[in-house]
mmCIF file of all heavy atoms, coordinates in Angstrom:
data_MODEL
# 
_entry.id   MODEL 
# 
loop_
_atom_site.group_PDB 
_atom_site.id 
_atom_site.type_symbol 
_atom_site.label_atom_id 
_atom_site.label_alt_id 
_atom_site.label_comp_id 
_atom_site.label_asym_id 
_atom_site.label_entity_id 
_atom_site.label_seq_id 
_atom_site.pdbx_PDB_ins_code 
_atom_site.Cartn_x 
_atom_site.Cartn_y 
_atom_site.Cartn_z 
_atom_site.occupancy 
_atom_site.B_iso_or_equiv 
_atom_site.pdbx_formal_charge 
_atom_site.auth_seq_id 
_atom_site.auth_comp_id 
_atom_site.auth_asym_id 
_atom_site.auth_atom_id 
_atom_site.pdbx_PDB_model_num 
ATOM 1   N N   . ILE A 1 1  ? -1.101  -0.316  -8.771  1.00 0.00 ? 1  ILE A N   1 
ATOM 2   C CA  . ILE A 1 1  ? -2.016  0.809   -8.929  1.00 0.00 ? 1  ILE A CA  1 
ATOM 3   C C   . ILE A 1 1  ? -1.230  1.993   -9.500  1.00 0.00 ? 1  ILE A C   1 
ATOM 4   O O   . ILE A 1 1  ? -0.241  2.438   -8.917  1.00 0.00 ? 1  ILE A O   1 
ATOM 5   C CB  . ILE A 1 1  ? -2.651  1.216   -7.582  1.00 0.00 ? 1  ILE A CB  1 
ATOM 6   C CG1 . ILE A 1 1  ? -3.455  0.051   -6.991  1.00 0.00 ? 1  ILE A CG1 1 
ATOM 7   C CG2 . ILE A 1 1  ? -3.528  2.455   -7.747  1.00 0.00 ? 1  ILE A CG2 1 
ATOM 8   C CD1 . ILE A 1 1  ? -4.676  -0.330  -7.797  1.00 0.00 ? 1  ILE A CD1 1 
ATOM 9   N N   . THR A 1 2  ? -1.662  2.493   -10.643 1.00 0.00 ? 2  THR A N   1 
ATOM 10  C CA  . THR A 1 2  ? -1.003  3.634   -11.265 1.00 0.00 ? 2  THR A CA  1 
ATOM 11  C C   . THR A 1 2  ? -1.506  4.927   -10.640 1.00 0.00 ? 2  THR A C   1 
ATOM 12  O O   . THR A 1 2  ? -2.708  5.178   -10.610 1.00 0.00 ? 2  THR A O   1 
ATOM 13  C CB  . THR A 1 2  ? -1.257  3.661   -12.776 1.00 0.00 ? 2  THR A CB  1 
ATOM 14  O OG1 . THR A 1 2  ? -0.710  2.466   -13.363 1.00 0.00 ? 2  THR A OG1 1 
ATOM 15  C CG2 . THR A 1 2  ? -0.605  4.880   -13.419 1.00 0.00 ? 2  THR A CG2 1 
ATOM 16  N N   . VAL A 1 3  ? -0.586  5.722   -10.130 1.00 0.00 ? 3  VAL A N   1 
ATOM 17  C CA  . VAL A 1 3  ? -0.945  7.021   -9.552  1.00 0.00 ? 3  VAL A CA  1 
ATOM 18  C C   . VAL A 1 3  ? -0.994  8.070   -10.656 1.00 0.00 ? 3  VAL A C   1 
ATOM 19  O O   . VAL A 1 3  ? -1.935  8.835   -10.768 1.00 0.00 ? 3  VAL A O   1 
ATOM 20  C CB  . VAL A 1 3  ? 0.051   7.433   -8.451  1.00 0.00 ? 3  VAL A CB  1 
ATOM 21  C CG1 . VAL A 1 3  ? -0.282  8.828   -7.918  1.00 0.00 ? 3  VAL A CG1 1 
ATOM 22  C CG2 . VAL A 1 3  ? 0.023   6.415   -7.315  1.00 0.00 ? 3  VAL A CG2 1 
ATOM 23  N N   . ASP A 1 4  ? 0.044   8.112   -11.476 1.00 0.00 ? 4  ASP A N   1 
ATOM 24  C CA  . ASP A 1 4  ? 0.101   8.998   -12.636 1.00 0.00 ? 4  ASP A CA  1 
ATOM 25  C C   . ASP A 1 4  ? 1.197   8.478   -13.558 1.00 0.00 ? 4  ASP A C   1 
ATOM 26  O O   . ASP A 1 4  ? 1.689   7.356   -13.374 1.00 0.00 ? 4  ASP A O   1 
ATOM 27  C CB  . ASP A 1 4  ? 0.336   10.463  -12.228 1.00 0.00 ? 4  ASP A CB  1 
ATOM 28  C CG  . ASP A 1 4  ? 1.560   10.648  -11.351 1.00 0.00 ? 4  ASP A CG  1 
ATOM 29  O OD1 . ASP A 1 4  ? 2.536   9.897   -11.514 1.00 0.00 ? 4  ASP A OD1 1 
ATOM 30  O OD2 . ASP A 1 4  ? 1.542   11.544  -10.493 1.00 0.00 ? 4  ASP A OD2 1 
ATOM 31  N N   . SER A 1 5  ? 1.613   9.261   -14.530 1.00 0.00 ? 5  SER A N   1 
ATOM 32  C CA  . SER A 1 5  ? 2.596   8.800   -15.503 1.00 0.00 ? 5  SER A CA  1 
ATOM 33  C C   . SER A 1 5  ? 3.986   8.607   -14.911 1.00 0.00 ? 5  SER A C   1 
ATOM 34  O O   . SER A 1 5  ? 4.843   7.964   -15.517 1.00 0.00 ? 5  SER A O   1 
ATOM 35  C CB  . SER A 1 5  ? 2.688   9.791   -16.670 1.00 0.00 ? 5  SER A CB  1 
ATOM 36  O OG  . SER A 1 5  ? 3.109   11.068  -16.215 1.00 0.00 ? 5  SER A OG  1 
ATOM 37  N N   . LYS A 1 6  ? 4.223   9.118   -13.706 1.00 0.00 ? 6  LYS A N   1 
ATOM 38  C CA  . LYS A 1 6  ? 5.548   9.038   -13.098 1.00 0.00 ? 6  LYS A CA  1 
ATOM 39  C C   . LYS A 1 6  ? 5.665   7.987   -12.008 1.00 0.00 ? 6  LYS A C   1 
ATOM 40  O O   . LYS A 1 6  ? 6.776   7.603   -11.639 1.00 0.00 ? 6  LYS A O   1 
ATOM 41  C CB  . LYS A 1 6  ? 5.937   10.399  -12.505 1.00 0.00 ? 6  LYS A CB  1 
ATOM 42  C CG  . LYS A 1 6  ? 6.097   11.504  -13.528 1.00 0.00 ? 6  LYS A CG  1 
ATOM 43  C CD  . LYS A 1 6  ? 6.518   12.802  -12.829 1.00 0.00 ? 6  LYS A CD  1 
ATOM 44  C CE  . LYS A 1 6  ? 6.706   13.934  -13.823 1.00 0.00 ? 6  LYS A CE  1 
ATOM 45  N NZ  . LYS A 1 6  ? 7.117   15.193  -13.137 1.00 0.00 ? 6  LYS A NZ  1 
ATOM 46  N N   . SER A 1 7  ? 4.558   7.553   -11.428 1.00 0.00 ? 7  SER A N   1 
ATOM 47  C CA  . SER A 1 7  ? 4.663   6.686   -10.263 1.00 0.00 ? 7  SER A CA  1 
ATOM 48  C C   . SER A 1 7  ? 3.504   5.714   -10.147 1.00 0.00 ? 7  SER A C   1 
ATOM 49  O O   . SER A 1 7  ? 2.411   5.947   -10.673 1.00 0.00 ? 7  SER A O   1 
ATOM 50  C CB  . SER A 1 7  ? 4.763   7.531   -8.983  1.00 0.00 ? 7  SER A CB  1 
ATOM 51  O OG  . SER A 1 7  ? 3.693   8.444   -8.898  1.00 0.00 ? 7  SER A OG  1 
ATOM 52  N N   . SER A 1 8  ? 3.773   4.613   -9.441  1.00 0.00 ? 8  SER A N   1 
ATOM 53  C CA  . SER A 1 8  ? 2.751   3.598   -9.199  1.00 0.00 ? 8  SER A CA  1 
ATOM 54  C C   . SER A 1 8  ? 3.019   2.939   -7.859  1.00 0.00 ? 8  SER A C   1 
ATOM 55  O O   . SER A 1 8  ? 4.097   3.090   -7.270  1.00 0.00 ? 8  SER A O   1 
ATOM 56  C CB  . SER A 1 8  ? 2.763   2.541   -10.316 1.00 0.00 ? 8  SER A CB  1 
ATOM 57  O OG  . SER A 1 8  ? 4.020   1.883   -10.365 1.00 0.00 ? 8  SER A OG  1 
ATOM 58  N N   . LEU A 1 9  ? 2.024   2.199   -7.354  1.00 0.00 ? 9  LEU A N   1 
ATOM 59  C CA  . LEU A 1 9  ? 2.128   1.497   -6.080  1.00 0.00 ? 9  LEU A CA  1 
ATOM 60  C C   . LEU A 1 9  ? 1.914   0.012   -6.316  1.00 0.00 ? 9  LEU A C   1 
ATOM 61  O O   . LEU A 1 9  ? 0.951   -0.383  -6.981  1.00 0.00 ? 9  LEU A O   1 
ATOM 62  C CB  . LEU A 1 9  ? 1.074   2.020   -5.099  1.00 0.00 ? 9  LEU A CB  1 
ATOM 63  C CG  . LEU A 1 9  ? 1.190   3.497   -4.712  1.00 0.00 ? 9  LEU A CG  1 
ATOM 64  C CD1 . LEU A 1 9  ? -0.110  3.959   -4.033  1.00 0.00 ? 9  LEU A CD1 1 
ATOM 65  C CD2 . LEU A 1 9  ? 2.365   3.722   -3.791  1.00 0.00 ? 9  LEU A CD2 1 
ATOM 66  N N   . THR A 1 10 ? 2.810   -0.821  -5.775  1.00 0.00 ? 10 THR A N   1 
ATOM 67  C CA  . THR A 1 10 ? 2.709   -2.271  -5.924  1.00 0.00 ? 10 THR A CA  1 
ATOM 68  C C   . THR A 1 10 ? 2.302   -2.892  -4.593  1.00 0.00 ? 10 THR A C   1 
ATOM 69  O O   . THR A 1 10 ? 2.968   -2.659  -3.575  1.00 0.00 ? 10 THR A O   1 
ATOM 70  C CB  . THR A 1 10 ? 4.044   -2.875  -6.381  1.00 0.00 ? 10 THR A CB  1 
ATOM 71  O OG1 . THR A 1 10 ? 4.421   -2.301  -7.635  1.00 0.00 ? 10 THR A OG1 1 
ATOM 72  C CG2 . THR A 1 10 ? 3.928   -4.389  -6.540  1.00 0.00 ? 10 THR A CG2 1 
ATOM 73  N N   . PHE A 1 11 ? 1.217   -3.657  -4.597  1.00 0.00 ? 11 PHE A N   1 
ATOM 74  C CA  . PHE A 1 11 ? 0.739   -4.339  -3.396  1.00 0.00 ? 11 PHE A CA  1 
ATOM 75  C C   . PHE A 1 11 ? 0.783   -5.843  -3.624  1.00 0.00 ? 11 PHE A C   1 
ATOM 76  O O   . PHE A 1 11 ? 0.156   -6.347  -4.565  1.00 0.00 ? 11 PHE A O   1 
ATOM 77  C CB  . PHE A 1 11 ? -0.701  -3.935  -3.071  1.00 0.00 ? 11 PHE A CB  1 
ATOM 78  C CG  . PHE A 1 11 ? -0.867  -2.479  -2.731  1.00 0.00 ? 11 PHE A CG  1 
ATOM 79  C CD1 . PHE A 1 11 ? -1.139  -1.549  -3.728  1.00 0.00 ? 11 PHE A CD1 1 
ATOM 80  C CD2 . PHE A 1 11 ? -0.769  -2.029  -1.425  1.00 0.00 ? 11 PHE A CD2 1 
ATOM 81  C CE1 . PHE A 1 11 ? -1.299  -0.209  -3.426  1.00 0.00 ? 11 PHE A CE1 1 
ATOM 82  C CE2 . PHE A 1 11 ? -0.924  -0.689  -1.112  1.00 0.00 ? 11 PHE A CE2 1 
ATOM 83  C CZ  . PHE A 1 11 ? -1.185  0.222   -2.117  1.00 0.00 ? 11 PHE A CZ  1 
ATOM 84  N N   . PRO A 1 12 ? 1.498   -6.598  -2.774  1.00 0.00 ? 12 PRO A N   1 
ATOM 85  C CA  . PRO A 1 12 ? 1.414   -8.060  -2.851  1.00 0.00 ? 12 PRO A CA  1 
ATOM 86  C C   . PRO A 1 12 ? 0.089   -8.531  -2.273  1.00 0.00 ? 12 PRO A C   1 
ATOM 87  O O   . PRO A 1 12 ? -0.701  -7.722  -1.783  1.00 0.00 ? 12 PRO A O   1 
ATOM 88  C CB  . PRO A 1 12 ? 2.594   -8.511  -1.984  1.00 0.00 ? 12 PRO A CB  1 
ATOM 89  C CG  . PRO A 1 12 ? 2.758   -7.419  -0.989  1.00 0.00 ? 12 PRO A CG  1 
ATOM 90  C CD  . PRO A 1 12 ? 2.395   -6.143  -1.711  1.00 0.00 ? 12 PRO A CD  1 
ATOM 91  N N   . ASP A 1 13 ? -0.186  -9.821  -2.324  1.00 0.00 ? 13 ASP A N   1 
ATOM 92  C CA  . ASP A 1 13 ? -1.435  -10.321 -1.750  1.00 0.00 ? 13 ASP A CA  1 
ATOM 93  C C   . ASP A 1 13 ? -1.365  -10.280 -0.221  1.00 0.00 ? 13 ASP A C   1 
ATOM 94  O O   . ASP A 1 13 ? -0.305  -10.270 0.376   1.00 0.00 ? 13 ASP A O   1 
ATOM 95  C CB  . ASP A 1 13 ? -1.739  -11.748 -2.228  1.00 0.00 ? 13 ASP A CB  1 
ATOM 96  C CG  . ASP A 1 13 ? -0.642  -12.737 -1.863  1.00 0.00 ? 13 ASP A CG  1 
ATOM 97  O OD1 . ASP A 1 13 ? 0.473   -12.278 -1.514  1.00 0.00 ? 13 ASP A OD1 1 
ATOM 98  O OD2 . ASP A 1 13 ? -0.889  -13.941 -1.923  1.00 0.00 ? 13 ASP A OD2 1 
ATOM 99  N N   . ILE A 1 14 ? -2.532  -10.219 0.398   1.00 0.00 ? 14 ILE A N   1 
ATOM 100 C CA  . ILE A 1 14 ? -2.673  -10.215 1.859   1.00 0.00 ? 14 ILE A CA  1 
ATOM 101 C C   . ILE A 1 14 ? -1.788  -9.133  2.477   1.00 0.00 ? 14 ILE A C   1 
ATOM 102 O O   . ILE A 1 14 ? -1.089  -9.354  3.465   1.00 0.00 ? 14 ILE A O   1 
ATOM 103 C CB  . ILE A 1 14 ? -2.349  -11.598 2.469   1.00 0.00 ? 14 ILE A CB  1 
ATOM 104 C CG1 . ILE A 1 14 ? -2.932  -12.724 1.620   1.00 0.00 ? 14 ILE A CG1 1 
ATOM 105 C CG2 . ILE A 1 14 ? -2.909  -11.701 3.889   1.00 0.00 ? 14 ILE A CG2 1 
ATOM 106 C CD1 . ILE A 1 14 ? -2.595  -14.110 2.105   1.00 0.00 ? 14 ILE A CD1 1 
ATOM 107 N N   . ALA A 1 15 ? -1.809  -7.936  1.904   1.00 0.00 ? 15 ALA A N   1 
ATOM 108 C CA  . ALA A 1 15 ? -0.932  -6.862  2.367   1.00 0.00 ? 15 ALA A CA  1 
ATOM 109 C C   . ALA A 1 15 ? -1.661  -5.812  3.193   1.00 0.00 ? 15 ALA A C   1 
ATOM 110 O O   . ALA A 1 15 ? -1.045  -4.848  3.634   1.00 0.00 ? 15 ALA A O   1 
ATOM 111 C CB  . ALA A 1 15 ? -0.276  -6.192  1.167   1.00 0.00 ? 15 ALA A CB  1 
ATOM 112 N N   . VAL A 1 16 ? -2.974  -5.987  3.421   1.00 0.00 ? 16 VAL A N   1 
ATOM 113 C CA  . VAL A 1 16 ? -3.761  -4.929  4.050   1.00 0.00 ? 16 VAL A CA  1 
ATOM 114 C C   . VAL A 1 16 ? -4.426  -5.439  5.328   1.00 0.00 ? 16 VAL A C   1 
ATOM 115 O O   . VAL A 1 16 ? -4.912  -6.576  5.389   1.00 0.00 ? 16 VAL A O   1 
ATOM 116 C CB  . VAL A 1 16 ? -4.827  -4.390  3.073   1.00 0.00 ? 16 VAL A CB  1 
ATOM 117 C CG1 . VAL A 1 16 ? -5.640  -3.281  3.713   1.00 0.00 ? 16 VAL A CG1 1 
ATOM 118 C CG2 . VAL A 1 16 ? -4.161  -3.886  1.788   1.00 0.00 ? 16 VAL A CG2 1 
ATOM 119 N N   . ALA A 1 17 ? -4.450  -4.564  6.339   1.00 0.00 ? 17 ALA A N   1 
ATOM 120 C CA  . ALA A 1 17 ? -5.042  -4.920  7.628   1.00 0.00 ? 17 ALA A CA  1 
ATOM 121 C C   . ALA A 1 17 ? -5.951  -3.800  8.110   1.00 0.00 ? 17 ALA A C   1 
ATOM 122 O O   . ALA A 1 17 ? -5.899  -2.671  7.614   1.00 0.00 ? 17 ALA A O   1 
ATOM 123 C CB  . ALA A 1 17 ? -3.946  -5.185  8.663   1.00 0.00 ? 17 ALA A CB  1 
ATOM 124 N N   . HIS A 1 18 ? -6.811  -4.145  9.086   1.00 0.00 ? 18 HIS A N   1 
ATOM 125 C CA  . HIS A 1 18 ? -7.597  -3.121  9.768   1.00 0.00 ? 18 HIS A CA  1 
ATOM 126 C C   . HIS A 1 18 ? -6.665  -2.264  10.615  1.00 0.00 ? 18 HIS A C   1 
ATOM 127 O O   . HIS A 1 18 ? -5.492  -2.608  10.818  1.00 0.00 ? 18 HIS A O   1 
ATOM 128 C CB  . HIS A 1 18 ? -8.661  -3.769  10.661  1.00 0.00 ? 18 HIS A CB  1 
ATOM 129 C CG  . HIS A 1 18 ? -9.702  -4.534  9.907   1.00 0.00 ? 18 HIS A CG  1 
ATOM 130 N ND1 . HIS A 1 18 ? -10.764 -3.919  9.270   1.00 0.00 ? 18 HIS A ND1 1 
ATOM 131 C CD2 . HIS A 1 18 ? -9.854  -5.875  9.696   1.00 0.00 ? 18 HIS A CD2 1 
ATOM 132 C CE1 . HIS A 1 18 ? -11.531 -4.836  8.703   1.00 0.00 ? 18 HIS A CE1 1 
ATOM 133 N NE2 . HIS A 1 18 ? -11.008 -6.030  8.930   1.00 0.00 ? 18 HIS A NE2 1 
ATOM 134 N N   . GLU A 1 19 ? -7.177  -1.162  11.138  1.00 0.00 ? 19 GLU A N   1 
ATOM 135 C CA  . GLU A 1 19 ? -6.352  -0.288  11.974  1.00 0.00 ? 19 GLU A CA  1 
ATOM 136 C C   . GLU A 1 19 ? -5.862  -0.984  13.238  1.00 0.00 ? 19 GLU A C   1 
ATOM 137 O O   . GLU A 1 19 ? -4.819  -0.626  13.780  1.00 0.00 ? 19 GLU A O   1 
ATOM 138 C CB  . GLU A 1 19 ? -7.116  0.985   12.338  1.00 0.00 ? 19 GLU A CB  1 
ATOM 139 C CG  . GLU A 1 19 ? -7.274  1.950   11.181  1.00 0.00 ? 19 GLU A CG  1 
ATOM 140 C CD  . GLU A 1 19 ? -7.649  3.338   11.648  1.00 0.00 ? 19 GLU A CD  1 
ATOM 141 O OE1 . GLU A 1 19 ? -8.821  3.537   12.014  1.00 0.00 ? 19 GLU A OE1 1 
ATOM 142 O OE2 . GLU A 1 19 ? -6.764  4.208   11.655  1.00 0.00 ? 19 GLU A OE2 1 
ATOM 143 N N   . ASN A 1 20 ? -6.603  -2.002  13.707  1.00 0.00 ? 20 ASN A N   1 
ATOM 144 C CA  . ASN A 1 20 ? -6.176  -2.724  14.905  1.00 0.00 ? 20 ASN A CA  1 
ATOM 145 C C   . ASN A 1 20 ? -5.138  -3.797  14.608  1.00 0.00 ? 20 ASN A C   1 
ATOM 146 O O   . ASN A 1 20 ? -4.704  -4.519  15.514  1.00 0.00 ? 20 ASN A O   1 
ATOM 147 C CB  . ASN A 1 20 ? -7.378  -3.332  15.632  1.00 0.00 ? 20 ASN A CB  1 
ATOM 148 C CG  . ASN A 1 20 ? -8.105  -4.384  14.787  1.00 0.00 ? 20 ASN A CG  1 
ATOM 149 O OD1 . ASN A 1 20 ? -7.645  -4.803  13.721  1.00 0.00 ? 20 ASN A OD1 1 
ATOM 150 N ND2 . ASN A 1 20 ? -9.277  -4.800  15.267  1.00 0.00 ? 20 ASN A ND2 1 
ATOM 151 N N   . GLY A 1 21 ? -4.743  -3.937  13.336  1.00 0.00 ? 21 GLY A N   1 
ATOM 152 C CA  . GLY A 1 21 ? -3.712  -4.906  12.967  1.00 0.00 ? 21 GLY A CA  1 
ATOM 153 C C   . GLY A 1 21 ? -4.235  -6.233  12.455  1.00 0.00 ? 21 GLY A C   1 
ATOM 154 O O   . GLY A 1 21 ? -3.470  -7.024  11.900  1.00 0.00 ? 21 GLY A O   1 
ATOM 155 N N   . SER A 1 22 ? -5.533  -6.531  12.631  1.00 0.00 ? 22 SER A N   1 
ATOM 156 C CA  . SER A 1 22 ? -6.086  -7.788  12.137  1.00 0.00 ? 22 SER A CA  1 
ATOM 157 C C   . SER A 1 22 ? -6.206  -7.749  10.619  1.00 0.00 ? 22 SER A C   1 
ATOM 158 O O   . SER A 1 22 ? -6.436  -6.695  10.022  1.00 0.00 ? 22 SER A O   1 
ATOM 159 C CB  . SER A 1 22 ? -7.455  -8.058  12.767  1.00 0.00 ? 22 SER A CB  1 
ATOM 160 O OG  . SER A 1 22 ? -8.379  -7.046  12.410  1.00 0.00 ? 22 SER A OG  1 
ATOM 161 N N   . LEU A 1 23 ? -6.031  -8.906  9.979   1.00 0.00 ? 23 LEU A N   1 
ATOM 162 C CA  . LEU A 1 23 ? -6.037  -8.969  8.518   1.00 0.00 ? 23 LEU A CA  1 
ATOM 163 C C   . LEU A 1 23 ? -7.381  -8.530  7.955   1.00 0.00 ? 23 LEU A C   1 
ATOM 164 O O   . LEU A 1 23 ? -8.444  -8.823  8.496   1.00 0.00 ? 23 LEU A O   1 
ATOM 165 C CB  . LEU A 1 23 ? -5.724  -10.390 8.055   1.00 0.00 ? 23 LEU A CB  1 
ATOM 166 C CG  . LEU A 1 23 ? -4.282  -10.869 8.223   1.00 0.00 ? 23 LEU A CG  1 
ATOM 167 C CD1 . LEU A 1 23 ? -4.148  -12.311 7.746   1.00 0.00 ? 23 LEU A CD1 1 
ATOM 168 C CD2 . LEU A 1 23 ? -3.323  -9.967  7.456   1.00 0.00 ? 23 LEU A CD2 1 
ATOM 169 N N   . TYR A 1 24 ? -7.314  -7.806  6.847   1.00 0.00 ? 24 TYR A N   1 
ATOM 170 C CA  . TYR A 1 24 ? -8.512  -7.343  6.149   1.00 0.00 ? 24 TYR A CA  1 
ATOM 171 C C   . TYR A 1 24 ? -8.664  -8.137  4.865   1.00 0.00 ? 24 TYR A C   1 
ATOM 172 O O   . TYR A 1 24 ? -7.681  -8.377  4.140   1.00 0.00 ? 24 TYR A O   1 
ATOM 173 C CB  . TYR A 1 24 ? -8.407  -5.856  5.827   1.00 0.00 ? 24 TYR A CB  1 
ATOM 174 C CG  . TYR A 1 24 ? -9.510  -5.352  4.917   1.00 0.00 ? 24 TYR A CG  1 
ATOM 175 C CD1 . TYR A 1 24 ? -10.786 -5.098  5.415   1.00 0.00 ? 24 TYR A CD1 1 
ATOM 176 C CD2 . TYR A 1 24 ? -9.281  -5.154  3.550   1.00 0.00 ? 24 TYR A CD2 1 
ATOM 177 C CE1 . TYR A 1 24 ? -11.792 -4.648  4.586   1.00 0.00 ? 24 TYR A CE1 1 
ATOM 178 C CE2 . TYR A 1 24 ? -10.279 -4.696  2.711   1.00 0.00 ? 24 TYR A CE2 1 
ATOM 179 C CZ  . TYR A 1 24 ? -11.541 -4.444  3.232   1.00 0.00 ? 24 TYR A CZ  1 
ATOM 180 O OH  . TYR A 1 24 ? -12.539 -4.007  2.403   1.00 0.00 ? 24 TYR A OH  1 
ATOM 181 N N   . SER A 1 25 ? -9.888  -8.530  4.556   1.00 0.00 ? 25 SER A N   1 
ATOM 182 C CA  . SER A 1 25 ? -10.168 -9.253  3.318   1.00 0.00 ? 25 SER A CA  1 
ATOM 183 C C   . SER A 1 25 ? -11.295 -8.542  2.580   1.00 0.00 ? 25 SER A C   1 
ATOM 184 O O   . SER A 1 25 ? -12.352 -8.270  3.147   1.00 0.00 ? 25 SER A O   1 
ATOM 185 C CB  . SER A 1 25 ? -10.581 -10.705 3.625   1.00 0.00 ? 25 SER A CB  1 
ATOM 186 O OG  . SER A 1 25 ? -10.895 -11.394 2.426   1.00 0.00 ? 25 SER A OG  1 
ATOM 187 N N   . GLY A 1 26 ? -11.055 -8.216  1.323   1.00 0.00 ? 26 GLY A N   1 
ATOM 188 C CA  . GLY A 1 26 ? -12.084 -7.539  0.542   1.00 0.00 ? 26 GLY A CA  1 
ATOM 189 C C   . GLY A 1 26 ? -11.493 -6.468  -0.336  1.00 0.00 ? 26 GLY A C   1 
ATOM 190 O O   . GLY A 1 26 ? -10.289 -6.434  -0.604  1.00 0.00 ? 26 GLY A O   1 
ATOM 191 N N   . GLU A 1 27 ? -12.337 -5.556  -0.787  1.00 0.00 ? 27 GLU A N   1 
ATOM 192 C CA  . GLU A 1 27 ? -11.886 -4.489  -1.676  1.00 0.00 ? 27 GLU A CA  1 
ATOM 193 C C   . GLU A 1 27 ? -11.174 -3.380  -0.909  1.00 0.00 ? 27 GLU A C   1 
ATOM 194 O O   . GLU A 1 27 ? -11.579 -3.006  0.187   1.00 0.00 ? 27 GLU A O   1 
ATOM 195 C CB  . GLU A 1 27 ? -13.071 -3.888  -2.440  1.00 0.00 ? 27 GLU A CB  1 
ATOM 196 C CG  . GLU A 1 27 ? -13.619 -4.785  -3.539  1.00 0.00 ? 27 GLU A CG  1 
ATOM 197 C CD  . GLU A 1 27 ? -14.609 -4.059  -4.430  1.00 0.00 ? 27 GLU A CD  1 
ATOM 198 O OE1 . GLU A 1 27 ? -15.134 -3.004  -4.006  1.00 0.00 ? 27 GLU A OE1 1 
ATOM 199 O OE2 . GLU A 1 27 ? -14.864 -4.535  -5.554  1.00 0.00 ? 27 GLU A OE2 1 
ATOM 200 N N   . VAL A 1 28 ? -10.130 -2.874  -1.524  1.00 0.00 ? 28 VAL A N   1 
ATOM 201 C CA  . VAL A 1 28 ? -9.360  -1.772  -0.958  1.00 0.00 ? 28 VAL A CA  1 
ATOM 202 C C   . VAL A 1 28 ? -9.397  -0.608  -1.945  1.00 0.00 ? 28 VAL A C   1 
ATOM 203 O O   . VAL A 1 28 ? -9.087  -0.767  -3.128  1.00 0.00 ? 28 VAL A O   1 
ATOM 204 C CB  . VAL A 1 28 ? -7.897  -2.181  -0.715  1.00 0.00 ? 28 VAL A CB  1 
ATOM 205 C CG1 . VAL A 1 28 ? -7.099  -0.994  -0.162  1.00 0.00 ? 28 VAL A CG1 1 
ATOM 206 C CG2 . VAL A 1 28 ? -7.823  -3.363  0.225   1.00 0.00 ? 28 VAL A CG2 1 
# 
């Protein structure tokens, strides 16, 4: 994900969870 011309964020697959720690599946 490009933030701007100076920086970006790289996310591997299955990298996101709910606040309780359980895996999240879907759009982020």
